[in-house]
Amino acid sequence: MRAAILLALFAPSLWGQLIVEGPTWKKLQIEFVTRIEPGSVLPASSGSVIDEGVSGPFAQRFIDDPAHRITFGYEIRLEPAPDGASATLRIEPLRDPQHALKNGWSRFGLPTGLPKYPVIPTLRVGDTVAIDLLVNPSTGQKLVDYLTLKQKHRFTPTHDFSLADIELFLDQPDVTVGGKTYPSTSPIGIAGSVVWLYVEGYGRYIFSLFPNEKLGLRKNGGVYSASLTFRDRDTEFQVASKSAIAPGNGPYNLYVLSQPAWRPRDSSDPIRIGAAGDLKSLTGVH
């Protein structure tokens, strides 16, 4: 017998969270947004169900497309790693589409499956993966779900405010490298005590508002309201966010750790962004 909790979310801001309470997903959650590409956020309704199955909680995603009277559905299984900062993400077919239809989770008949069901190993907190829901071969237009792994912050004990609570926020940033601008391809913003930027050909840069010589963070550039700048040898980098990057009035010194050998595992995008709760979770140095 399955007990289900429907977490309904509606347009136009088609964004939400998949949160499984209890030990199964530990301190992890998934945030998602659905887009039409090329296009914008999908003007459709979306919902998520958390089912208590015989093998533990798994999340089910349903995306209604009223324009074509189609509902897409799939299951998400997250297997957290012992480090608590990464997990294996499994996208699977719905095991019982009729059950979803009977419970009203699908508005337009039996849910439609996906073109493929990927398994993403070693997905780290802050990483975003794209799941194709539908591809139009004649136009190349796609309906895409973006899933971002994050740490849960619900029901945590209260504590005094400290510098560790200050977060940086990159809101769909445009990145300029040596005068060449890469428009944002990220459908969502990311926030964390440290944020990072990957640039093809240069590697990853980790940013913080605080120095840490031991872990390699050194003063390099500054944060000015909704933009930040820094340099790598003779190249200047500029990041323009849609919202303020740091709280307060600023401007602030920016501390940067360069990782020229770092490469993303599952993307060919020339620009990627991410975030973490602390520097140690990104570097593995304690």
Protein backbone atom coordinates (compact mmCIF):
# COMPACT_ATOMS: atom_id res chain seq x y z
CA MET A 1 0.00 0.00 0.00
CA ARG A 2 1.54 3.30 -1.06
CA ALA A 3 0.93 6.58 0.73
CA ALA A 4 1.36 9.52 -1.65
CA ILE A 5 1.72 13.25 -1.03
CA LEU A 6 0.93 15.50 -3.98
CA LEU A 7 3.08 18.64 -4.16
CA ALA A 8 1.32 20.65 -6.87
CA LEU A 9 3.05 23.59 -8.56
CA PHE A 10 1.51 25.81 -11.21
CA ALA A 11 2.66 28.23 -13.94
CA PRO A 12 3.98 30.73 -14.67
CA SER A 13 7.02 30.27 -12.40
CA LEU A 14 7.37 26.55 -13.12
CA TRP A 15 9.90 25.80 -10.41
CA GLY A 16 9.83 23.63 -7.34
CA GLN A 17 11.51 21.18 -5.00
CA LEU A 18 11.48 17.45 -4.42
CA ILE A 19 12.09 16.82 -0.73
CA VAL A 20 12.01 13.39 0.90
CA GLU A 21 11.86 13.55 4.68
CA GLY A 22 13.54 10.93 6.80
CA PRO A 23 16.80 9.06 6.25
CA THR A 24 16.35 7.92 2.64
CA TRP A 25 17.58 11.09 0.93
CA LYS A 26 19.39 12.19 4.09
CA LYS A 27 20.06 15.95 3.80
CA LEU A 28 19.61 16.20 0.03
CA GLN A 29 16.82 17.55 -2.13
CA ILE A 30 16.22 18.26 -5.80
CA GLU A 31 15.14 21.60 -7.25
CA PHE A 32 13.71 21.62 -10.75
CA VAL A 33 12.57 23.90 -13.55
CA THR A 34 10.99 23.01 -16.89
CA ARG A 35 11.83 24.89 -20.09
CA ILE A 36 11.14 24.91 -23.80
CA GLU A 37 14.39 25.30 -25.76
CA PRO A 38 14.76 27.49 -27.62
CA GLY A 39 12.09 29.34 -25.70
CA SER A 40 11.39 30.02 -22.05
CA VAL A 41 9.93 28.54 -18.89
CA LEU A 42 7.10 26.21 -19.86
CA PRO A 43 3.62 27.78 -19.46
CA ALA A 44 2.16 24.59 -18.03
CA SER A 45 1.34 23.08 -14.66
CA SER A 46 3.67 20.72 -12.88
CA GLY A 47 3.51 18.48 -9.87
CA SER A 48 5.55 16.00 -7.89
CA VAL A 49 4.58 13.00 -5.84
CA ILE A 50 6.61 11.28 -3.14
CA ASP A 51 5.67 7.60 -2.97
CA GLU A 52 6.52 5.22 -0.14
CA GLY A 53 7.26 2.09 -2.14
CA VAL A 54 8.53 -1.26 -0.98
CA SER A 55 12.11 -0.16 -1.67
CA GLY A 56 11.83 3.21 0.04
CA PRO A 57 10.74 6.70 -1.03
CA PHE A 58 11.13 7.70 -4.63
CA ALA A 59 9.90 10.88 -6.29
CA GLN A 60 7.58 11.01 -9.29
CA ARG A 61 7.49 13.99 -11.65
CA PHE A 62 4.49 15.01 -13.72
CA ILE A 63 4.52 17.87 -16.23
CA ASP A 64 1.25 18.87 -17.91
CA ASP A 65 1.42 20.50 -21.35
CA PRO A 66 -2.10 21.88 -21.98
CA ALA A 67 -1.14 23.19 -25.44
CA HIS A 68 -0.62 19.63 -26.69
CA ARG A 69 -2.76 17.90 -24.01
CA ILE A 70 0.14 15.69 -22.91
CA THR A 71 1.37 14.76 -19.45
CA PHE A 72 4.96 13.60 -19.05
CA GLY A 73 5.86 11.38 -16.13
CA TYR A 74 8.94 9.71 -14.72
CA GLU A 75 10.44 8.56 -11.43
CA ILE A 76 13.49 9.88 -9.61
CA ARG A 77 15.57 7.77 -7.28
CA LEU A 78 18.40 9.40 -5.38
CA GLU A 79 21.13 7.33 -3.75
CA PRO A 80 23.21 9.59 -1.45
CA ALA A 81 26.92 8.87 -1.07
CA PRO A 82 28.47 8.53 2.41
CA ASP A 83 30.02 12.00 2.10
CA GLY A 84 26.53 13.59 2.16
CA ALA A 85 27.54 15.97 -0.65
CA SER A 86 26.98 13.77 -3.70
CA ALA A 87 24.59 11.11 -4.95
CA THR A 88 23.69 8.84 -7.84
CA LEU A 89 20.58 10.11 -9.63
CA ARG A 90 18.46 7.52 -11.43
CA ILE A 91 15.73 8.55 -13.87
CA GLU A 92 13.31 5.65 -14.33
CA PRO A 93 9.97 4.92 -16.05
CA LEU A 94 6.78 5.16 -14.02
CA ARG A 95 6.17 1.73 -12.56
CA ASP A 96 2.39 2.19 -12.53
CA PRO A 97 1.06 4.85 -14.96
CA GLN A 98 -2.52 3.73 -14.30
CA HIS A 99 -2.03 4.50 -10.60
CA ALA A 100 -0.97 8.04 -11.47
CA LEU A 101 -3.98 8.49 -13.75
CA LYS A 102 -6.46 7.21 -11.15
CA ASN A 103 -5.09 9.57 -8.50
CA GLY A 104 -5.39 12.65 -10.72
CA TRP A 105 -1.67 13.25 -11.12
CA SER A 106 -1.98 13.14 -14.92
CA ARG A 107 -4.48 15.55 -16.51
CA PHE A 108 -4.23 14.25 -20.07
CA GLY A 109 -4.51 10.49 -20.02
CA LEU A 110 -1.75 8.02 -19.32
CA PRO A 111 1.56 9.83 -18.71
CA THR A 112 3.97 9.82 -21.64
CA GLY A 113 7.43 8.35 -21.05
CA LEU A 114 10.81 9.91 -21.84
CA PRO A 115 13.09 9.38 -24.85
CA LYS A 116 15.70 7.90 -22.49
CA TYR A 117 16.25 7.22 -18.79
CA PRO A 118 19.77 8.24 -17.77
CA VAL A 119 21.75 7.35 -14.65
CA ILE A 120 24.00 10.17 -13.43
CA PRO A 121 26.69 8.91 -11.02
CA THR A 122 28.50 11.15 -8.54
CA LEU A 123 26.20 14.13 -8.91
CA ARG A 124 27.51 16.73 -6.45
CA VAL A 125 25.59 19.38 -4.52
CA GLY A 126 25.16 22.38 -6.82
CA ASP A 127 25.33 20.33 -10.04
CA THR A 128 22.49 20.66 -12.55
CA VAL A 129 21.50 18.00 -15.08
CA ALA A 130 19.17 18.34 -18.07
CA ILE A 131 16.55 15.67 -18.77
CA ASP A 132 14.95 15.76 -22.24
CA LEU A 133 11.21 15.17 -22.04
CA LEU A 134 10.43 15.55 -25.73
CA VAL A 135 12.42 16.38 -28.86
CA ASN A 136 10.80 17.65 -32.07
CA PRO A 137 13.02 16.19 -34.84
CA SER A 138 11.68 18.59 -37.49
CA THR A 139 12.42 21.81 -35.55
CA GLY A 140 15.03 20.71 -32.99
CA GLN A 141 12.93 22.26 -30.20
CA LYS A 142 13.06 20.41 -26.89
CA LEU A 143 11.06 20.24 -23.69
CA VAL A 144 13.65 19.95 -20.90
CA ASP A 145 13.57 19.39 -17.14
CA TYR A 146 16.54 20.85 -15.23
CA LEU A 147 17.27 19.10 -11.91
CA THR A 148 19.69 20.62 -9.38
CA LEU A 149 20.98 18.70 -6.36
CA LYS A 150 20.92 20.77 -3.18
CA GLN A 151 21.22 20.31 0.54
CA LYS A 152 18.07 20.57 2.64
CA HIS A 153 17.82 23.40 5.13
CA ARG A 154 14.41 22.66 6.59
CA PHE A 155 13.85 22.09 10.31
CA THR A 156 17.45 22.94 11.26
CA PRO A 157 18.02 24.22 14.82
CA THR A 158 18.24 27.97 15.27
CA HIS A 159 21.65 29.54 15.77
CA ASP A 160 23.26 32.95 16.07
CA PHE A 161 23.98 34.66 12.76
CA SER A 162 27.62 34.40 11.71
CA LEU A 163 29.82 35.16 8.72
CA ALA A 164 29.34 31.54 7.60
CA ASP A 165 25.67 32.36 6.89
CA ILE A 166 26.54 34.93 4.20
CA GLU A 167 25.89 33.54 0.72
CA LEU A 168 26.85 34.55 -2.78
CA PHE A 169 24.12 34.41 -5.44
CA LEU A 170 24.63 33.94 -9.18
CA ASP A 171 21.31 34.61 -10.91
CA GLN A 172 21.39 33.37 -14.53
CA PRO A 173 24.72 35.13 -15.12
CA ASP A 174 26.25 36.27 -18.40
CA VAL A 175 30.00 35.58 -18.49
CA THR A 176 32.54 37.67 -20.44
CA VAL A 177 36.00 36.20 -21.00
CA GLY A 178 38.60 38.42 -22.59
CA GLY A 179 35.89 40.51 -24.24
CA LYS A 180 33.81 37.55 -25.52
CA THR A 181 30.40 37.24 -23.86
CA TYR A 182 28.65 33.93 -23.19
CA PRO A 183 24.94 34.58 -22.53
CA SER A 184 23.45 32.66 -19.63
CA THR A 185 22.19 29.16 -20.38
CA SER A 186 21.24 28.46 -16.76
CA PRO A 187 17.46 28.49 -16.16
CA ILE A 188 17.89 29.04 -12.43
CA GLY A 189 20.10 30.90 -9.99
CA ILE A 190 22.47 29.22 -7.53
CA ALA A 191 23.50 30.32 -4.04
CA GLY A 192 26.01 29.16 -1.46
CA SER A 193 28.77 30.18 0.89
CA VAL A 194 31.03 29.53 -2.08
CA VAL A 195 30.03 29.56 -5.74
CA TRP A 196 31.99 28.37 -8.75
CA LEU A 197 32.31 29.07 -12.44
CA TYR A 198 33.64 26.67 -15.08
CA VAL A 199 34.97 28.17 -18.33
CA GLU A 200 35.99 25.86 -21.15
CA GLY A 201 39.71 26.08 -21.76
CA TYR A 202 40.38 27.67 -18.35
CA GLY A 203 38.99 25.24 -15.79
CA ARG A 204 36.97 26.03 -12.65
CA TYR A 205 37.12 29.11 -10.45
CA ILE A 206 35.76 28.99 -6.89
CA PHE A 207 34.66 32.30 -5.34
CA SER A 208 34.31 33.43 -1.75
CA LEU A 209 34.00 36.69 0.15
CA PHE A 210 36.56 35.46 2.69
CA PRO A 211 40.27 34.63 2.32
CA ASN A 212 41.64 31.20 3.02
CA GLU A 213 45.31 30.91 2.09
CA LYS A 214 45.49 27.33 3.39
CA LEU A 215 42.86 26.15 0.90
CA GLY A 216 44.12 28.37 -1.91
CA LEU A 217 41.65 31.29 -1.86
CA ARG A 218 43.48 34.49 -2.72
CA LYS A 219 42.32 38.05 -3.31
CA ASN A 220 41.60 38.53 -7.00
CA GLY A 221 39.11 41.16 -8.17
CA GLY A 222 35.90 42.31 -6.55
CA VAL A 223 32.13 42.02 -6.25
CA TYR A 224 30.14 45.08 -7.28
CA SER A 225 26.41 44.71 -6.67
CA ALA A 226 25.27 42.40 -9.52
CA SER A 227 28.69 41.85 -11.11
CA LEU A 228 32.08 40.45 -10.25
CA THR A 229 35.44 40.68 -11.98
CA PHE A 230 38.73 38.82 -11.65
CA ARG A 231 41.79 37.98 -13.73
CA ASP A 232 43.65 34.84 -14.69
CA ARG A 233 47.08 35.80 -16.01
CA ASP A 234 46.35 38.18 -18.94
CA THR A 235 42.64 37.39 -19.25
CA GLU A 236 39.89 39.41 -17.56
CA PHE A 237 36.68 37.67 -16.52
CA GLN A 238 33.38 39.45 -15.84
CA VAL A 239 30.23 37.83 -14.46
CA ALA A 240 26.98 39.81 -14.73
CA SER A 241 24.14 38.47 -12.57
CA LYS A 242 20.44 39.29 -12.89
CA SER A 243 20.36 40.05 -9.14
CA ALA A 244 22.81 41.24 -6.48
CA ILE A 245 25.61 38.73 -5.97
CA ALA A 246 26.38 39.63 -2.36
CA PRO A 247 24.28 41.14 0.46
CA GLY A 248 24.85 44.68 1.66
CA ASN A 249 26.16 47.68 -0.21
CA GLY A 250 29.70 46.58 -1.12
CA PRO A 251 31.87 46.63 -3.10
CA TYR A 252 33.77 43.69 -1.64
CA ASN A 253 37.07 41.97 -2.22
CA LEU A 254 36.72 38.67 -4.10
CA TYR A 255 38.80 35.62 -3.17
CA VAL A 256 39.38 33.07 -5.93
CA LEU A 257 40.70 29.51 -6.12
CA SER A 258 41.75 28.44 -9.63
CA GLN A 259 41.45 24.77 -10.67
CA PRO A 260 42.72 24.71 -14.28
CA ALA A 261 42.54 20.90 -14.58
CA TRP A 262 38.90 20.62 -13.45
CA ARG A 263 36.37 19.47 -16.07
CA PRO A 264 32.62 18.72 -15.79
CA ARG A 265 31.69 15.06 -16.16
CA ASP A 266 28.39 15.24 -17.99
CA SER A 267 28.23 18.41 -20.09
CA SER A 268 29.81 19.98 -23.14
CA ASP A 269 28.61 23.47 -22.22
CA PRO A 270 31.45 26.02 -22.36
CA ILE A 271 30.15 27.72 -19.21
CA ARG A 272 28.80 26.12 -16.03
CA ILE A 273 28.03 27.40 -12.53
CA GLY A 274 27.53 25.74 -9.17
CA ALA A 275 27.55 26.33 -5.41
CA ALA A 276 28.36 24.63 -2.13
CA GLY A 277 27.91 25.22 1.57
CA ASP A 278 31.66 25.35 2.19
CA LEU A 279 34.96 25.19 0.35
CA LYS A 280 35.97 21.85 1.82
CA SER A 281 33.09 20.05 0.11
CA LEU A 282 34.45 21.20 -3.27
CA THR A 283 38.16 20.67 -2.71
CA GLY A 284 38.11 17.65 -0.39
CA VAL A 285 40.79 19.39 1.71
CA HIS A 286 40.14 19.53 5.48
